N, C-alpha and C. Protein backbone atom coordinates (compact mmCIF):
# COMPACT_ATOMS: atom_id res chain seq x y z
N MET A 1 53.78 -36.72 2.07
CA MET A 1 52.35 -36.89 2.16
C MET A 1 51.80 -37.29 0.80
N LYS A 2 50.73 -37.96 0.87
CA LYS A 2 50.10 -38.36 -0.36
C LYS A 2 49.42 -37.17 -1.00
N LYS A 3 49.32 -37.22 -2.32
CA LYS A 3 48.69 -36.12 -3.05
C LYS A 3 47.23 -35.95 -2.66
N SER A 4 46.49 -37.01 -2.43
CA SER A 4 45.07 -36.91 -2.08
C SER A 4 44.89 -36.24 -0.73
N PHE A 5 45.78 -36.51 0.23
CA PHE A 5 45.69 -35.87 1.54
C PHE A 5 45.99 -34.39 1.42
N LYS A 6 46.98 -34.03 0.61
CA LYS A 6 47.31 -32.61 0.39
C LYS A 6 46.12 -31.89 -0.26
N LEU A 7 45.50 -32.55 -1.22
CA LEU A 7 44.33 -31.97 -1.87
C LEU A 7 43.20 -31.79 -0.86
N PHE A 8 42.96 -32.82 -0.04
CA PHE A 8 41.92 -32.73 0.99
C PHE A 8 42.22 -31.58 1.94
N LEU A 9 43.45 -31.49 2.40
CA LEU A 9 43.83 -30.43 3.33
C LEU A 9 43.67 -29.06 2.68
N PHE A 10 44.07 -28.92 1.44
CA PHE A 10 43.92 -27.66 0.72
C PHE A 10 42.44 -27.26 0.60
N LEU A 11 41.60 -28.22 0.19
CA LEU A 11 40.18 -27.94 0.05
C LEU A 11 39.54 -27.62 1.39
N PHE A 12 39.92 -28.32 2.44
CA PHE A 12 39.37 -28.08 3.76
C PHE A 12 39.73 -26.68 4.25
N VAL A 13 40.98 -26.30 4.14
CA VAL A 13 41.43 -24.98 4.59
C VAL A 13 40.79 -23.89 3.73
N SER A 14 40.75 -24.09 2.42
CA SER A 14 40.14 -23.10 1.52
C SER A 14 38.66 -22.93 1.83
N GLY A 15 37.97 -24.05 2.02
CA GLY A 15 36.55 -23.99 2.34
C GLY A 15 36.29 -23.30 3.66
N THR A 16 37.12 -23.58 4.65
CA THR A 16 36.96 -22.94 5.96
C THR A 16 37.17 -21.44 5.86
N ILE A 17 38.20 -21.03 5.15
CA ILE A 17 38.46 -19.60 4.98
C ILE A 17 37.33 -18.95 4.20
N PHE A 18 36.88 -19.58 3.13
CA PHE A 18 35.78 -19.02 2.34
C PHE A 18 34.52 -18.89 3.19
N TYR A 19 34.19 -19.91 3.95
CA TYR A 19 32.99 -19.87 4.78
C TYR A 19 33.10 -18.76 5.82
N ALA A 20 34.24 -18.64 6.46
CA ALA A 20 34.43 -17.62 7.49
C ALA A 20 34.33 -16.21 6.91
N CYS A 21 34.81 -16.02 5.71
CA CYS A 21 34.80 -14.70 5.09
C CYS A 21 33.46 -14.34 4.46
N SER A 22 32.65 -15.35 4.20
CA SER A 22 31.39 -15.07 3.52
C SER A 22 30.17 -15.30 4.42
N SER A 23 30.39 -15.34 5.71
CA SER A 23 29.26 -15.59 6.60
C SER A 23 28.26 -14.44 6.53
N ASP A 24 27.03 -14.77 6.81
CA ASP A 24 25.96 -13.77 6.81
C ASP A 24 26.12 -12.87 8.02
N ASP A 25 26.25 -11.60 7.79
CA ASP A 25 26.34 -10.64 8.88
C ASP A 25 25.01 -9.94 9.08
N ASN A 26 23.94 -10.70 9.10
CA ASN A 26 22.62 -10.12 9.26
C ASN A 26 22.18 -10.01 10.71
N ASP A 27 23.09 -10.36 11.64
CA ASP A 27 22.73 -10.29 13.05
C ASP A 27 22.40 -8.88 13.49
N ASP A 28 23.05 -7.89 12.90
CA ASP A 28 22.83 -6.51 13.32
C ASP A 28 21.83 -5.78 12.43
N VAL A 29 21.21 -6.47 11.48
CA VAL A 29 20.23 -5.85 10.59
C VAL A 29 18.84 -6.10 11.17
N ILE A 30 18.09 -5.04 11.37
CA ILE A 30 16.74 -5.17 11.88
C ILE A 30 15.79 -5.22 10.70
N VAL A 31 15.04 -6.29 10.63
CA VAL A 31 14.08 -6.47 9.55
C VAL A 31 12.69 -6.30 10.13
N ASN A 32 11.94 -5.37 9.56
CA ASN A 32 10.57 -5.15 10.01
C ASN A 32 9.66 -6.02 9.15
N PRO A 33 9.09 -7.09 9.73
CA PRO A 33 8.28 -7.98 8.92
C PRO A 33 6.95 -7.39 8.48
N ASP A 34 6.52 -6.33 9.14
CA ASP A 34 5.24 -5.71 8.80
C ASP A 34 5.41 -4.20 8.72
N PRO A 35 6.09 -3.72 7.66
CA PRO A 35 6.32 -2.28 7.58
C PRO A 35 5.01 -1.52 7.43
N GLN A 36 4.93 -0.39 8.08
CA GLN A 36 3.74 0.45 7.98
C GLN A 36 3.78 1.24 6.68
N PRO A 37 2.67 1.26 5.96
CA PRO A 37 2.65 2.04 4.73
C PRO A 37 2.69 3.53 5.03
N THR A 38 3.07 4.29 4.05
CA THR A 38 3.04 5.73 4.20
C THR A 38 1.62 6.17 4.48
N GLU A 39 1.47 7.11 5.39
CA GLU A 39 0.14 7.58 5.76
C GLU A 39 -0.55 8.21 4.55
N VAL A 40 -1.77 7.80 4.31
CA VAL A 40 -2.56 8.34 3.21
C VAL A 40 -3.23 9.61 3.70
N ARG A 41 -3.00 10.69 2.99
CA ARG A 41 -3.57 11.98 3.36
C ARG A 41 -4.71 12.33 2.40
N TYR A 42 -5.45 13.36 2.74
CA TYR A 42 -6.60 13.74 1.93
C TYR A 42 -6.20 14.08 0.49
N SER A 43 -5.03 14.60 0.27
CA SER A 43 -4.63 14.95 -1.10
C SER A 43 -4.69 13.73 -2.01
N THR A 44 -4.33 12.55 -1.50
CA THR A 44 -4.43 11.31 -2.29
C THR A 44 -5.88 10.97 -2.55
N ILE A 45 -6.72 11.13 -1.54
CA ILE A 45 -8.14 10.82 -1.67
C ILE A 45 -8.80 11.80 -2.64
N ALA A 46 -8.42 13.07 -2.55
CA ALA A 46 -8.98 14.08 -3.44
C ALA A 46 -8.66 13.75 -4.90
N THR A 47 -7.48 13.23 -5.15
CA THR A 47 -7.10 12.83 -6.51
C THR A 47 -7.97 11.68 -6.99
N ILE A 48 -8.24 10.72 -6.11
CA ILE A 48 -9.12 9.60 -6.47
C ILE A 48 -10.52 10.12 -6.79
N MET A 49 -11.04 11.00 -5.94
CA MET A 49 -12.39 11.54 -6.15
C MET A 49 -12.45 12.35 -7.44
N SER A 50 -11.44 13.16 -7.66
CA SER A 50 -11.41 14.01 -8.85
C SER A 50 -11.41 13.17 -10.13
N GLY A 51 -10.63 12.12 -10.13
CA GLY A 51 -10.50 11.30 -11.34
C GLY A 51 -11.62 10.31 -11.57
N ASN A 52 -12.39 9.99 -10.52
CA ASN A 52 -13.37 8.92 -10.65
C ASN A 52 -14.79 9.28 -10.24
N CYS A 53 -14.95 10.32 -9.43
CA CYS A 53 -16.26 10.57 -8.82
C CYS A 53 -16.84 11.95 -9.13
N ASN A 54 -15.97 12.93 -9.30
CA ASN A 54 -16.45 14.30 -9.41
C ASN A 54 -17.15 14.63 -10.71
N GLY A 55 -17.14 13.71 -11.66
CA GLY A 55 -17.93 13.91 -12.87
C GLY A 55 -19.41 14.02 -12.54
N CYS A 56 -19.85 13.25 -11.56
CA CYS A 56 -21.24 13.31 -11.09
C CYS A 56 -21.33 13.99 -9.72
N HIS A 57 -20.36 13.69 -8.86
CA HIS A 57 -20.36 14.21 -7.49
C HIS A 57 -19.51 15.48 -7.39
N GLY A 58 -19.70 16.39 -8.35
CA GLY A 58 -18.96 17.65 -8.37
C GLY A 58 -19.56 18.65 -7.40
N ALA A 59 -19.07 19.88 -7.46
CA ALA A 59 -19.57 20.95 -6.59
C ALA A 59 -21.08 21.09 -6.72
N THR A 60 -21.57 20.94 -7.94
CA THR A 60 -23.01 20.85 -8.20
C THR A 60 -23.24 19.45 -8.73
N PRO A 61 -23.76 18.53 -7.90
CA PRO A 61 -23.94 17.14 -8.35
C PRO A 61 -24.84 17.04 -9.58
N THR A 62 -24.49 16.10 -10.45
CA THR A 62 -25.26 15.85 -11.68
C THR A 62 -25.60 14.38 -11.79
N ASN A 63 -26.38 14.04 -12.80
CA ASN A 63 -26.74 12.64 -13.10
C ASN A 63 -27.36 11.92 -11.91
N GLY A 64 -28.08 12.65 -11.07
CA GLY A 64 -28.75 12.04 -9.93
C GLY A 64 -27.89 11.79 -8.71
N ALA A 65 -26.64 12.25 -8.74
CA ALA A 65 -25.77 12.08 -7.57
C ALA A 65 -26.36 12.85 -6.39
N PRO A 66 -26.47 12.22 -5.22
CA PRO A 66 -27.13 12.87 -4.09
C PRO A 66 -26.28 13.88 -3.33
N MET A 67 -24.97 13.89 -3.58
CA MET A 67 -24.12 14.82 -2.84
C MET A 67 -22.84 15.10 -3.60
N SER A 68 -22.17 16.15 -3.19
CA SER A 68 -20.87 16.52 -3.74
C SER A 68 -19.77 15.76 -2.98
N LEU A 69 -18.70 15.45 -3.68
CA LEU A 69 -17.53 14.82 -3.05
C LEU A 69 -16.28 15.63 -3.43
N THR A 70 -16.37 16.94 -3.26
CA THR A 70 -15.26 17.80 -3.68
C THR A 70 -14.45 18.36 -2.51
N THR A 71 -14.92 18.20 -1.28
CA THR A 71 -14.18 18.75 -0.14
C THR A 71 -13.85 17.64 0.85
N TYR A 72 -12.91 17.94 1.70
CA TYR A 72 -12.52 17.01 2.77
C TYR A 72 -13.74 16.57 3.58
N ASP A 73 -14.52 17.53 4.06
CA ASP A 73 -15.67 17.22 4.91
C ASP A 73 -16.71 16.37 4.19
N GLU A 74 -16.94 16.64 2.91
CA GLU A 74 -17.93 15.87 2.15
C GLU A 74 -17.49 14.42 1.97
N VAL A 75 -16.22 14.23 1.65
CA VAL A 75 -15.73 12.86 1.44
C VAL A 75 -15.70 12.10 2.77
N LYS A 76 -15.23 12.75 3.81
CA LYS A 76 -15.20 12.12 5.13
C LYS A 76 -16.62 11.71 5.54
N GLU A 77 -17.59 12.57 5.35
CA GLU A 77 -18.98 12.28 5.70
C GLU A 77 -19.51 11.10 4.88
N ALA A 78 -19.13 11.02 3.62
CA ALA A 78 -19.57 9.92 2.76
C ALA A 78 -18.96 8.60 3.21
N VAL A 79 -17.74 8.62 3.67
CA VAL A 79 -17.10 7.40 4.18
C VAL A 79 -17.78 6.97 5.48
N GLU A 80 -18.01 7.94 6.36
CA GLU A 80 -18.56 7.62 7.68
C GLU A 80 -20.05 7.27 7.65
N ASN A 81 -20.83 7.93 6.80
CA ASN A 81 -22.28 7.81 6.89
C ASN A 81 -23.00 7.36 5.63
N ARG A 82 -22.31 7.28 4.51
CA ARG A 82 -23.00 6.95 3.25
C ARG A 82 -22.43 5.71 2.56
N ASN A 83 -21.66 4.93 3.30
CA ASN A 83 -21.13 3.65 2.79
C ASN A 83 -20.29 3.80 1.52
N LEU A 84 -19.52 4.88 1.44
CA LEU A 84 -18.68 5.08 0.25
C LEU A 84 -17.76 3.89 0.02
N ILE A 85 -17.13 3.39 1.06
CA ILE A 85 -16.19 2.27 0.88
C ILE A 85 -16.93 1.02 0.40
N GLY A 86 -18.07 0.73 0.99
CA GLY A 86 -18.85 -0.43 0.55
C GLY A 86 -19.27 -0.33 -0.91
N ARG A 87 -19.63 0.86 -1.33
CA ARG A 87 -20.08 1.05 -2.73
C ARG A 87 -18.93 0.90 -3.72
N VAL A 88 -17.74 1.40 -3.36
CA VAL A 88 -16.63 1.24 -4.30
C VAL A 88 -16.09 -0.19 -4.26
N GLU A 89 -16.21 -0.84 -3.11
CA GLU A 89 -15.77 -2.25 -3.04
C GLU A 89 -16.67 -3.17 -3.85
N ASN A 90 -17.97 -2.94 -3.80
CA ASN A 90 -18.86 -3.84 -4.54
C ASN A 90 -19.05 -3.42 -6.00
N GLY A 91 -18.43 -2.31 -6.39
CA GLY A 91 -18.44 -1.90 -7.80
C GLY A 91 -19.66 -1.11 -8.23
N THR A 92 -20.56 -0.77 -7.30
CA THR A 92 -21.71 0.03 -7.71
C THR A 92 -21.32 1.49 -7.95
N MET A 93 -20.22 1.90 -7.39
CA MET A 93 -19.69 3.24 -7.63
C MET A 93 -18.21 3.11 -7.95
N PRO A 94 -17.72 3.84 -8.87
CA PRO A 94 -18.46 4.66 -9.84
C PRO A 94 -19.16 3.76 -10.85
N PRO A 95 -20.30 4.22 -11.36
CA PRO A 95 -21.08 3.37 -12.26
C PRO A 95 -20.43 3.09 -13.61
N ASN A 96 -19.51 3.92 -14.03
CA ASN A 96 -18.89 3.71 -15.35
C ASN A 96 -17.52 3.05 -15.26
N GLY A 97 -17.22 2.46 -14.16
CA GLY A 97 -15.92 1.81 -13.98
C GLY A 97 -15.74 1.42 -12.54
N SER A 98 -14.56 1.02 -12.19
CA SER A 98 -14.32 0.66 -10.80
C SER A 98 -12.98 1.20 -10.35
N LEU A 99 -12.86 1.39 -9.06
CA LEU A 99 -11.59 1.83 -8.50
C LEU A 99 -10.65 0.64 -8.39
N SER A 100 -9.38 0.89 -8.47
CA SER A 100 -8.40 -0.17 -8.31
C SER A 100 -8.35 -0.58 -6.84
N SER A 101 -7.81 -1.74 -6.59
CA SER A 101 -7.67 -2.19 -5.20
C SER A 101 -6.78 -1.24 -4.42
N THR A 102 -5.79 -0.66 -5.06
CA THR A 102 -4.92 0.32 -4.40
C THR A 102 -5.71 1.55 -4.00
N GLN A 103 -6.56 2.04 -4.89
CA GLN A 103 -7.37 3.22 -4.56
C GLN A 103 -8.33 2.92 -3.41
N ILE A 104 -8.96 1.76 -3.43
CA ILE A 104 -9.87 1.37 -2.36
C ILE A 104 -9.10 1.24 -1.04
N ASN A 105 -7.94 0.61 -1.10
CA ASN A 105 -7.13 0.46 0.12
C ASN A 105 -6.66 1.81 0.65
N ASN A 106 -6.40 2.75 -0.25
CA ASN A 106 -6.03 4.09 0.20
C ASN A 106 -7.17 4.75 0.97
N ILE A 107 -8.38 4.60 0.48
CA ILE A 107 -9.53 5.19 1.18
C ILE A 107 -9.71 4.51 2.54
N LYS A 108 -9.57 3.19 2.58
CA LYS A 108 -9.70 2.46 3.84
C LYS A 108 -8.60 2.88 4.83
N SER A 109 -7.40 3.03 4.34
CA SER A 109 -6.29 3.45 5.19
C SER A 109 -6.52 4.86 5.72
N TRP A 110 -7.03 5.72 4.87
CA TRP A 110 -7.34 7.10 5.27
C TRP A 110 -8.35 7.08 6.42
N GLN A 111 -9.36 6.26 6.29
CA GLN A 111 -10.36 6.12 7.36
C GLN A 111 -9.73 5.51 8.61
N ALA A 112 -8.98 4.44 8.47
CA ALA A 112 -8.37 3.74 9.61
C ALA A 112 -7.43 4.66 10.39
N ASN A 113 -6.82 5.60 9.72
CA ASN A 113 -5.89 6.52 10.37
C ASN A 113 -6.54 7.83 10.78
N ASN A 114 -7.88 7.80 10.90
CA ASN A 114 -8.66 8.95 11.39
C ASN A 114 -8.62 10.15 10.44
N PHE A 115 -8.66 9.88 9.14
CA PHE A 115 -8.85 10.91 8.11
C PHE A 115 -7.83 12.05 8.15
N PRO A 116 -6.52 11.72 8.05
CA PRO A 116 -5.52 12.81 8.07
C PRO A 116 -5.67 13.75 6.88
N GLN A 117 -5.50 15.03 7.19
CA GLN A 117 -5.61 16.05 6.14
C GLN A 117 -4.27 16.21 5.50
């Protein structure tokens, strides 16, 4: 046989073996294209309130704050009836800074999941 044919045959066989041994075995892997985030519980929301809101919205509100945001019921009521999410989204609250998009999304998720404790 000619050397070029032997080389071709060698490369063809080697390539076939390599391809067969390195095929993607992803057929049995289930990929969730839209994984659900971990449920946001009140403890996460309480941390956000404590670090950003309770300076004014403490147990005894100060600086003209109209209500306390220190308990589950108070924060839930503010989300449901006092536009808390709208105010943090538009940056009017807190007045000395803004919440991160992650913090805002956590509050929204907490509401969307019916305010888990």
